[in-house]
Amino acid sequence: MARKILIETDRNIALTLRWGTIICLIGLLFFVSAGVFVRFVPILSMGWADEIIEFGFAWMVFLGTVALWRNRSHFRVELLPGRLAGSKAGRVLEIILNILALIFFLAFTYQGGIISAMAIDRSPILELPRFLWYGVLPISGGIIIGYTIRDLWLLFRGRPY
């Protein structure tokens, strides 16, 4: 039963990440294109769009990062892990790399939470609270921590991931 819940949760997270990233990208495409257009054809002012572009870019980058981390598709140098793949030393190396990643993302999530909590100002034009921009840091970090723990669990159980 717990496994079924975890699988369903993972599926929902993956869908949210995928569509969140796509929506941010489409929004960026629209607002950046519109901003360029109105610079050449000055029919209205779009100074307010810069705030939406900042917001969309931040969320797209971090949601996309989580999606890549979930699928283990992120960039990594494979020279040593590739040579040691399938051996006991390779498994130990993977465990060490995942523990180091876990430590990094614990610090990242903690500091992102602090930054988000300290962002009490508002955006200058739309008057939106700035924590909306920084809130993606602890959210994405927390999800990455979950997936790193998943990978460590599989490694300790001797299963390839």
N, C-alpha and C. Protein backbone atom coordinates (compact mmCIF):
# COMPACT_ATOMS: atom_id res chain seq x y z
N MET A 1 0.82 -1.20 0.00
CA MET A 1 0.00 0.00 0.00
C MET A 1 0.87 1.27 0.00
N ALA A 2 1.91 1.29 0.85
CA ALA A 2 2.78 2.46 0.91
C ALA A 2 3.52 2.64 -0.41
N ARG A 3 3.92 1.53 -1.02
CA ARG A 3 4.62 1.61 -2.30
C ARG A 3 3.72 2.22 -3.37
N LYS A 4 2.45 1.84 -3.36
CA LYS A 4 1.50 2.37 -4.33
C LYS A 4 1.32 3.89 -4.14
N ILE A 5 1.28 4.32 -2.90
CA ILE A 5 1.16 5.76 -2.60
C ILE A 5 2.40 6.50 -3.08
N LEU A 6 3.59 5.92 -2.84
CA LEU A 6 4.83 6.56 -3.29
C LEU A 6 4.89 6.66 -4.81
N ILE A 7 4.47 5.62 -5.48
CA ILE A 7 4.47 5.63 -6.95
C ILE A 7 3.51 6.68 -7.48
N GLU A 8 2.34 6.78 -6.88
CA GLU A 8 1.36 7.77 -7.30
C GLU A 8 1.85 9.19 -7.01
N THR A 9 2.47 9.38 -5.85
CA THR A 9 3.02 10.69 -5.50
C THR A 9 4.12 11.08 -6.48
N ASP A 10 5.00 10.14 -6.80
CA ASP A 10 6.07 10.40 -7.76
C ASP A 10 5.50 10.78 -9.12
N ARG A 11 4.48 10.10 -9.54
CA ARG A 11 3.85 10.39 -10.82
C ARG A 11 3.25 11.80 -10.83
N ASN A 12 2.60 12.17 -9.73
CA ASN A 12 2.01 13.50 -9.63
C ASN A 12 3.08 14.59 -9.58
N ILE A 13 4.18 14.32 -8.87
CA ILE A 13 5.29 15.28 -8.83
C ILE A 13 5.87 15.46 -10.23
N ALA A 14 6.06 14.35 -10.93
CA ALA A 14 6.62 14.42 -12.28
C ALA A 14 5.72 15.23 -13.21
N LEU A 15 4.42 15.02 -13.12
CA LEU A 15 3.47 15.77 -13.95
C LEU A 15 3.50 17.25 -13.61
N THR A 16 3.53 17.57 -12.32
CA THR A 16 3.58 18.97 -11.89
C THR A 16 4.86 19.64 -12.35
N LEU A 17 5.98 18.93 -12.22
CA LEU A 17 7.26 19.49 -12.67
C LEU A 17 7.25 19.74 -14.17
N ARG A 18 6.79 18.76 -14.91
CA ARG A 18 6.78 18.88 -16.38
C ARG A 18 5.90 20.05 -16.81
N TRP A 19 4.66 20.09 -16.32
CA TRP A 19 3.74 21.13 -16.76
C TRP A 19 4.11 22.50 -16.19
N GLY A 20 4.64 22.53 -14.98
CA GLY A 20 5.11 23.80 -14.42
C GLY A 20 6.22 24.40 -15.25
N THR A 21 7.16 23.55 -15.65
CA THR A 21 8.27 24.01 -16.49
C THR A 21 7.77 24.46 -17.86
N ILE A 22 6.87 23.72 -18.44
CA ILE A 22 6.33 24.07 -19.76
C ILE A 22 5.56 25.39 -19.70
N ILE A 23 4.74 25.56 -18.66
CA ILE A 23 3.97 26.80 -18.53
C ILE A 23 4.91 28.00 -18.35
N CYS A 24 5.94 27.83 -17.54
CA CYS A 24 6.91 28.91 -17.36
C CYS A 24 7.61 29.25 -18.67
N LEU A 25 7.99 28.23 -19.42
CA LEU A 25 8.67 28.46 -20.70
C LEU A 25 7.75 29.18 -21.69
N ILE A 26 6.51 28.77 -21.76
CA ILE A 26 5.55 29.42 -22.67
C ILE A 26 5.33 30.88 -22.23
N GLY A 27 5.20 31.09 -20.94
CA GLY A 27 5.05 32.46 -20.43
C GLY A 27 6.25 33.32 -20.75
N LEU A 28 7.44 32.76 -20.56
CA LEU A 28 8.65 33.50 -20.90
C LEU A 28 8.70 33.83 -22.39
N LEU A 29 8.38 32.85 -23.21
CA LEU A 29 8.38 33.08 -24.65
C LEU A 29 7.43 34.21 -25.02
N PHE A 30 6.24 34.17 -24.44
CA PHE A 30 5.24 35.20 -24.74
C PHE A 30 5.69 36.58 -24.26
N PHE A 31 6.08 36.69 -22.98
CA PHE A 31 6.40 38.01 -22.42
C PHE A 31 7.69 38.60 -22.97
N VAL A 32 8.68 37.77 -23.21
CA VAL A 32 9.92 38.29 -23.81
C VAL A 32 9.66 38.73 -25.25
N SER A 33 8.92 37.92 -26.00
CA SER A 33 8.59 38.29 -27.38
C SER A 33 7.76 39.57 -27.42
N ALA A 34 6.79 39.67 -26.54
CA ALA A 34 5.96 40.88 -26.50
C ALA A 34 6.80 42.09 -26.12
N GLY A 35 7.73 41.91 -25.18
CA GLY A 35 8.61 43.00 -24.78
C GLY A 35 9.48 43.48 -25.92
N VAL A 36 10.01 42.56 -26.69
CA VAL A 36 10.83 42.93 -27.85
C VAL A 36 9.96 43.64 -28.90
N PHE A 37 8.77 43.11 -29.11
CA PHE A 37 7.87 43.70 -30.11
C PHE A 37 7.52 45.15 -29.76
N VAL A 38 7.16 45.40 -28.48
CA VAL A 38 6.73 46.76 -28.13
C VAL A 38 7.91 47.73 -28.05
N ARG A 39 9.13 47.24 -28.06
CA ARG A 39 10.26 48.16 -28.15
C ARG A 39 10.38 48.73 -29.57
N PHE A 40 10.00 47.92 -30.56
CA PHE A 40 10.05 48.38 -31.95
C PHE A 40 8.74 49.02 -32.39
N VAL A 41 7.66 48.56 -31.83
CA VAL A 41 6.34 49.11 -32.12
C VAL A 41 5.75 49.57 -30.79
N PRO A 42 6.06 50.78 -30.37
CA PRO A 42 5.68 51.24 -29.03
C PRO A 42 4.19 51.54 -28.88
N ILE A 43 3.41 50.48 -28.74
CA ILE A 43 1.96 50.65 -28.59
C ILE A 43 1.52 50.66 -27.13
N LEU A 44 2.35 50.15 -26.23
CA LEU A 44 2.05 50.18 -24.81
C LEU A 44 3.33 49.96 -24.02
N SER A 45 3.27 50.23 -22.74
CA SER A 45 4.42 50.03 -21.86
C SER A 45 4.33 48.66 -21.21
N MET A 46 5.45 47.93 -21.19
CA MET A 46 5.44 46.60 -20.59
C MET A 46 6.50 46.47 -19.50
N GLY A 47 6.75 47.55 -18.75
CA GLY A 47 7.71 47.50 -17.66
C GLY A 47 7.34 46.47 -16.60
N TRP A 48 6.04 46.28 -16.42
CA TRP A 48 5.56 45.30 -15.44
C TRP A 48 5.90 43.87 -15.84
N ALA A 49 6.11 43.62 -17.11
CA ALA A 49 6.38 42.25 -17.57
C ALA A 49 7.73 41.74 -17.10
N ASP A 50 8.65 42.63 -16.77
CA ASP A 50 9.96 42.20 -16.28
C ASP A 50 9.83 41.38 -15.00
N GLU A 51 8.88 41.75 -14.15
CA GLU A 51 8.68 41.00 -12.91
C GLU A 51 8.16 39.59 -13.20
N ILE A 52 7.27 39.49 -14.15
CA ILE A 52 6.74 38.17 -14.52
C ILE A 52 7.84 37.33 -15.16
N ILE A 53 8.69 37.95 -15.96
CA ILE A 53 9.79 37.24 -16.59
C ILE A 53 10.77 36.72 -15.54
N GLU A 54 11.11 37.54 -14.55
CA GLU A 54 12.00 37.10 -13.46
C GLU A 54 11.40 35.90 -12.73
N PHE A 55 10.13 36.04 -12.38
CA PHE A 55 9.42 34.98 -11.65
C PHE A 55 9.39 33.69 -12.47
N GLY A 56 8.98 33.80 -13.72
CA GLY A 56 8.87 32.62 -14.58
C GLY A 56 10.21 31.95 -14.82
N PHE A 57 11.26 32.75 -14.98
CA PHE A 57 12.58 32.19 -15.21
C PHE A 57 13.07 31.43 -13.99
N ALA A 58 12.91 32.01 -12.80
CA ALA A 58 13.35 31.34 -11.57
C ALA A 58 12.62 30.02 -11.39
N TRP A 59 11.32 30.03 -11.55
CA TRP A 59 10.56 28.79 -11.34
C TRP A 59 10.87 27.77 -12.43
N MET A 60 11.03 28.21 -13.67
CA MET A 60 11.35 27.27 -14.74
C MET A 60 12.69 26.58 -14.48
N VAL A 61 13.69 27.35 -14.10
CA VAL A 61 15.02 26.78 -13.87
C VAL A 61 14.98 25.74 -12.75
N PHE A 62 14.38 26.08 -11.63
CA PHE A 62 14.42 25.16 -10.50
C PHE A 62 13.46 23.98 -10.66
N LEU A 63 12.30 24.18 -11.26
CA LEU A 63 11.42 23.04 -11.52
C LEU A 63 12.06 22.10 -12.55
N GLY A 64 12.70 22.68 -13.55
CA GLY A 64 13.41 21.86 -14.55
C GLY A 64 14.56 21.09 -13.93
N THR A 65 15.26 21.72 -12.99
CA THR A 65 16.35 21.04 -12.30
C THR A 65 15.85 19.83 -11.53
N VAL A 66 14.74 20.01 -10.84
CA VAL A 66 14.17 18.88 -10.09
C VAL A 66 13.75 17.76 -11.04
N ALA A 67 13.15 18.12 -12.16
CA ALA A 67 12.74 17.11 -13.14
C ALA A 67 13.95 16.33 -13.66
N LEU A 68 15.03 17.03 -13.93
CA LEU A 68 16.25 16.35 -14.38
C LEU A 68 16.83 15.47 -13.27
N TRP A 69 16.83 15.96 -12.04
CA TRP A 69 17.36 15.18 -10.92
C TRP A 69 16.51 13.92 -10.71
N ARG A 70 15.21 14.05 -10.82
CA ARG A 70 14.30 12.90 -10.65
C ARG A 70 14.63 11.79 -11.62
N ASN A 71 14.90 12.16 -12.87
CA ASN A 71 15.18 11.17 -13.92
C ASN A 71 16.66 10.82 -14.03
N ARG A 72 17.48 11.43 -13.17
CA ARG A 72 18.94 11.25 -13.23
C ARG A 72 19.48 11.66 -14.61
N SER A 73 18.92 12.73 -15.14
CA SER A 73 19.32 13.23 -16.47
C SER A 73 20.18 14.48 -16.37
N HIS A 74 20.51 14.90 -15.18
CA HIS A 74 21.29 16.11 -14.99
C HIS A 74 22.73 15.87 -15.44
N PHE A 75 23.41 16.97 -15.69
CA PHE A 75 24.81 16.88 -16.11
C PHE A 75 25.66 16.33 -14.97
N ARG A 76 26.52 15.41 -15.31
CA ARG A 76 27.53 14.93 -14.38
C ARG A 76 28.69 14.34 -15.16
N VAL A 77 29.86 14.45 -14.61
CA VAL A 77 31.04 13.92 -15.26
C VAL A 77 31.07 12.41 -15.00
N GLU A 78 31.07 11.64 -16.06
CA GLU A 78 30.95 10.19 -15.96
C GLU A 78 32.27 9.44 -16.10
N LEU A 79 33.38 10.12 -16.12
CA LEU A 79 34.66 9.45 -16.36
C LEU A 79 34.91 8.35 -15.33
N LEU A 80 34.98 8.69 -14.07
CA LEU A 80 35.26 7.71 -13.03
C LEU A 80 34.07 6.79 -12.76
N PRO A 81 32.86 7.32 -12.58
CA PRO A 81 31.73 6.41 -12.37
C PRO A 81 31.50 5.46 -13.55
N GLY A 82 31.77 5.92 -14.75
CA GLY A 82 31.61 5.06 -15.92
C GLY A 82 32.60 3.91 -15.95
N ARG A 83 33.82 4.21 -15.54
CA ARG A 83 34.86 3.17 -15.52
C ARG A 83 34.63 2.16 -14.40
N LEU A 84 34.03 2.62 -13.32
CA LEU A 84 33.82 1.73 -12.16
C LEU A 84 32.42 1.11 -12.13
N ALA A 85 31.61 1.41 -13.12
CA ALA A 85 30.23 0.91 -13.14
C ALA A 85 30.19 -0.62 -13.07
N GLY A 86 29.28 -1.10 -12.24
CA GLY A 86 29.10 -2.54 -12.10
C GLY A 86 30.01 -3.18 -11.07
N SER A 87 30.98 -2.45 -10.55
CA SER A 87 31.89 -3.01 -9.55
C SER A 87 31.48 -2.52 -8.16
N LYS A 88 32.06 -3.15 -7.15
CA LYS A 88 31.78 -2.75 -5.77
C LYS A 88 32.30 -1.32 -5.55
N ALA A 89 33.46 -1.00 -6.11
CA ALA A 89 34.02 0.35 -5.98
C ALA A 89 33.10 1.38 -6.63
N GLY A 90 32.49 1.01 -7.74
CA GLY A 90 31.55 1.90 -8.41
C GLY A 90 30.33 2.18 -7.55
N ARG A 91 29.82 1.14 -6.89
CA ARG A 91 28.67 1.31 -5.99
C ARG A 91 29.03 2.20 -4.81
N VAL A 92 30.23 1.99 -4.24
CA VAL A 92 30.68 2.82 -3.12
C VAL A 92 30.82 4.27 -3.57
N LEU A 93 31.37 4.48 -4.76
CA LEU A 93 31.52 5.83 -5.29
C LEU A 93 30.15 6.49 -5.46
N GLU A 94 29.19 5.77 -5.99
CA GLU A 94 27.84 6.31 -6.16
C GLU A 94 27.22 6.68 -4.82
N ILE A 95 27.44 5.86 -3.81
CA ILE A 95 26.92 6.17 -2.48
C ILE A 95 27.56 7.45 -1.95
N ILE A 96 28.88 7.56 -2.09
CA ILE A 96 29.58 8.76 -1.63
C ILE A 96 29.09 10.00 -2.37
N LEU A 97 28.94 9.89 -3.68
CA LEU A 97 28.47 11.04 -4.47
C LEU A 97 27.06 11.45 -4.05
N ASN A 98 26.21 10.47 -3.79
CA ASN A 98 24.84 10.78 -3.37
C ASN A 98 24.81 11.38 -1.97
N ILE A 99 25.67 10.93 -1.07
CA ILE A 99 25.74 11.51 0.27
C ILE A 99 26.21 12.96 0.19
N LEU A 100 27.21 13.22 -0.65
CA LEU A 100 27.68 14.60 -0.84
C LEU A 100 26.58 15.48 -1.43
N ALA A 101 25.85 14.94 -2.40
CA ALA A 101 24.73 15.69 -2.98
C ALA A 101 23.67 15.96 -1.93
N LEU A 102 23.40 14.97 -1.08
CA LEU A 102 22.40 15.13 -0.02
C LEU A 102 22.82 16.24 0.94
N ILE A 103 24.08 16.26 1.32
CA ILE A 103 24.59 17.31 2.22
C ILE A 103 24.44 18.68 1.56
N PHE A 104 24.81 18.77 0.28
CA PHE A 104 24.67 20.04 -0.43
C PHE A 104 23.22 20.49 -0.46
N PHE A 105 22.30 19.59 -0.81
CA PHE A 105 20.91 20.00 -0.95
C PHE A 105 20.24 20.25 0.39
N LEU A 106 20.72 19.64 1.45
CA LEU A 106 20.22 20.00 2.78
C LEU A 106 20.59 21.45 3.10
N ALA A 107 21.84 21.82 2.83
CA ALA A 107 22.27 23.21 3.06
C ALA A 107 21.53 24.16 2.11
N PHE A 108 21.39 23.77 0.85
CA PHE A 108 20.69 24.59 -0.15
C PHE A 108 19.24 24.85 0.28
N THR A 109 18.56 23.81 0.73
CA THR A 109 17.16 23.93 1.13
C THR A 109 17.03 24.81 2.38
N TYR A 110 17.92 24.59 3.33
CA TYR A 110 17.90 25.39 4.56
C TYR A 110 18.13 26.86 4.24
N GLN A 111 19.18 27.16 3.49
CA GLN A 111 19.48 28.54 3.14
C GLN A 111 18.38 29.15 2.25
N GLY A 112 17.83 28.34 1.34
CA GLY A 112 16.73 28.82 0.50
C GLY A 112 15.51 29.16 1.33
N GLY A 113 15.25 28.37 2.37
CA GLY A 113 14.15 28.68 3.28
C GLY A 113 14.38 29.98 4.03
N ILE A 114 15.62 30.19 4.46
CA ILE A 114 15.95 31.44 5.15
C ILE A 114 15.78 32.63 4.22
N ILE A 115 16.30 32.52 3.01
CA ILE A 115 16.17 33.62 2.04
C ILE A 115 14.70 33.90 1.75
N SER A 116 13.93 32.84 1.57
CA SER A 116 12.51 32.99 1.28
C SER A 116 11.77 33.66 2.44
N ALA A 117 12.10 33.24 3.67
CA ALA A 117 11.43 33.81 4.84
C ALA A 117 11.84 35.27 5.07
N MET A 118 13.06 35.61 4.70
CA MET A 118 13.54 36.98 4.92
C MET A 118 13.09 37.94 3.82
N ALA A 119 12.55 37.44 2.75
CA ALA A 119 12.11 38.29 1.64
C ALA A 119 10.74 38.88 1.98
N ILE A 120 10.75 39.98 2.70
CA ILE A 120 9.49 40.57 3.15
C ILE A 120 9.05 41.75 2.29
N ASP A 121 9.90 42.15 1.34
CA ASP A 121 9.54 43.27 0.48
C ASP A 121 8.57 42.83 -0.61
N ARG A 122 8.13 43.77 -1.38
CA ARG A 122 7.19 43.49 -2.47
C ARG A 122 7.80 43.96 -3.78
N SER A 123 7.35 43.36 -4.87
CA SER A 123 7.86 43.77 -6.18
C SER A 123 7.39 45.20 -6.46
N PRO A 124 8.22 45.98 -7.17
CA PRO A 124 7.92 47.41 -7.31
C PRO A 124 6.67 47.75 -8.12
N ILE A 125 6.34 46.98 -9.12
CA ILE A 125 5.23 47.37 -9.98
C ILE A 125 3.95 46.59 -9.65
N LEU A 126 4.05 45.28 -9.61
CA LEU A 126 2.87 44.45 -9.36
C LEU A 126 2.55 44.29 -7.88
N GLU A 127 3.46 44.73 -7.01
CA GLU A 127 3.27 44.66 -5.56
C GLU A 127 3.04 43.23 -5.05
N LEU A 128 3.69 42.26 -5.69
CA LEU A 128 3.60 40.88 -5.23
C LEU A 128 4.68 40.63 -4.19
N PRO A 129 4.38 39.77 -3.20
CA PRO A 129 5.41 39.49 -2.18
C PRO A 129 6.59 38.76 -2.80
N ARG A 130 7.79 39.20 -2.45
CA ARG A 130 9.02 38.64 -3.04
C ARG A 130 9.27 37.19 -2.64
N PHE A 131 8.68 36.72 -1.55
CA PHE A 131 8.91 35.32 -1.20
C PHE A 131 8.38 34.39 -2.27
N LEU A 132 7.49 34.87 -3.13
CA LEU A 132 7.02 34.04 -4.24
C LEU A 132 8.16 33.71 -5.19
N TRP A 133 9.10 34.64 -5.36
CA TRP A 133 10.25 34.40 -6.24
C TRP A 133 11.20 33.38 -5.60
N TYR A 134 11.43 33.52 -4.30
CA TYR A 134 12.41 32.69 -3.61
C TYR A 134 11.83 31.39 -3.06
N GLY A 135 10.52 31.28 -3.03
CA GLY A 135 9.88 30.08 -2.49
C GLY A 135 10.23 28.81 -3.24
N VAL A 136 10.62 28.95 -4.49
CA VAL A 136 10.98 27.77 -5.28
C VAL A 136 12.26 27.11 -4.75
N LEU A 137 13.11 27.86 -4.05
CA LEU A 137 14.37 27.29 -3.54
C LEU A 137 14.13 26.17 -2.53
N PRO A 138 13.40 26.41 -1.43
CA PRO A 138 13.19 25.30 -0.50
C PRO A 138 12.28 24.21 -1.06
N ILE A 139 11.37 24.59 -1.93
CA ILE A 139 10.48 23.58 -2.52
C ILE A 139 11.28 22.62 -3.40
N SER A 140 12.06 23.17 -4.32
CA SER A 140 12.84 22.31 -5.21
C SER A 140 13.91 21.54 -4.44
N GLY A 141 14.54 22.20 -3.49
CA GLY A 141 15.55 21.51 -2.68
C GLY A 141 14.96 20.35 -1.90
N GLY A 142 13.79 20.55 -1.32
CA GLY A 142 13.14 19.47 -0.58
C GLY A 142 12.79 18.28 -1.45
N ILE A 143 12.32 18.55 -2.64
CA ILE A 143 11.98 17.44 -3.56
C ILE A 143 13.25 16.72 -4.00
N ILE A 144 14.31 17.45 -4.28
CA ILE A 144 15.58 16.83 -4.66
C ILE A 144 16.12 15.98 -3.52
N ILE A 145 15.98 16.45 -2.29
CA ILE A 145 16.40 15.65 -1.13
C ILE A 145 15.66 14.32 -1.11
N GLY A 146 14.37 14.38 -1.37
CA GLY A 146 13.58 13.14 -1.41
C GLY A 146 14.07 12.17 -2.47
N TYR A 147 14.38 12.68 -3.64
CA TYR A 147 14.87 11.80 -4.71
C TYR A 147 16.30 11.31 -4.43
N THR A 148 17.10 12.10 -3.76
CA THR A 148 18.45 11.65 -3.40
C THR A 148 18.38 10.54 -2.36
N ILE A 149 17.46 10.68 -1.42
CA ILE A 149 17.25 9.61 -0.43
C ILE A 149 16.76 8.34 -1.11
N ARG A 150 15.89 8.50 -2.09
CA ARG A 150 15.44 7.34 -2.88
C ARG A 150 16.62 6.63 -3.53
N ASP A 151 17.51 7.42 -4.15
CA ASP A 151 18.67 6.83 -4.82
C ASP A 151 19.60 6.14 -3.83
N LEU A 152 19.80 6.77 -2.68
CA LEU A 152 20.64 6.13 -1.64
C LEU A 152 20.02 4.84 -1.16
N TRP A 153 18.72 4.85 -0.98
CA TRP A 153 18.01 3.64 -0.53
C TRP A 153 18.22 2.50 -1.53
N LEU A 154 18.09 2.81 -2.80
CA LEU A 154 18.31 1.78 -3.82
C LEU A 154 19.75 1.30 -3.84
N LEU A 155 20.69 2.22 -3.67
CA LEU A 155 22.10 1.83 -3.67
C LEU A 155 22.43 0.94 -2.47
N PHE A 156 21.91 1.32 -1.30
CA PHE A 156 22.18 0.51 -0.10
C PHE A 156 21.52 -0.87 -0.19
N ARG A 157 20.44 -0.97 -0.92
CA ARG A 157 19.77 -2.26 -1.11
C ARG A 157 20.40 -3.07 -2.23
N GLY A 158 21.40 -2.49 -2.90
CA GLY A 158 22.10 -3.20 -3.94
C GLY A 158 21.43 -3.21 -5.28
N ARG A 159 20.43 -2.37 -5.44
CA ARG A 159 19.70 -2.28 -6.71
C ARG A 159 20.28 -1.15 -7.55
N PRO A 160 20.50 -1.39 -8.81
CA PRO A 160 20.91 -0.27 -9.69
C PRO A 160 19.74 0.67 -9.90
N TYR A 161 20.05 1.92 -10.10
CA TYR A 161 18.97 2.86 -10.36
C TYR A 161 19.06 3.47 -11.70
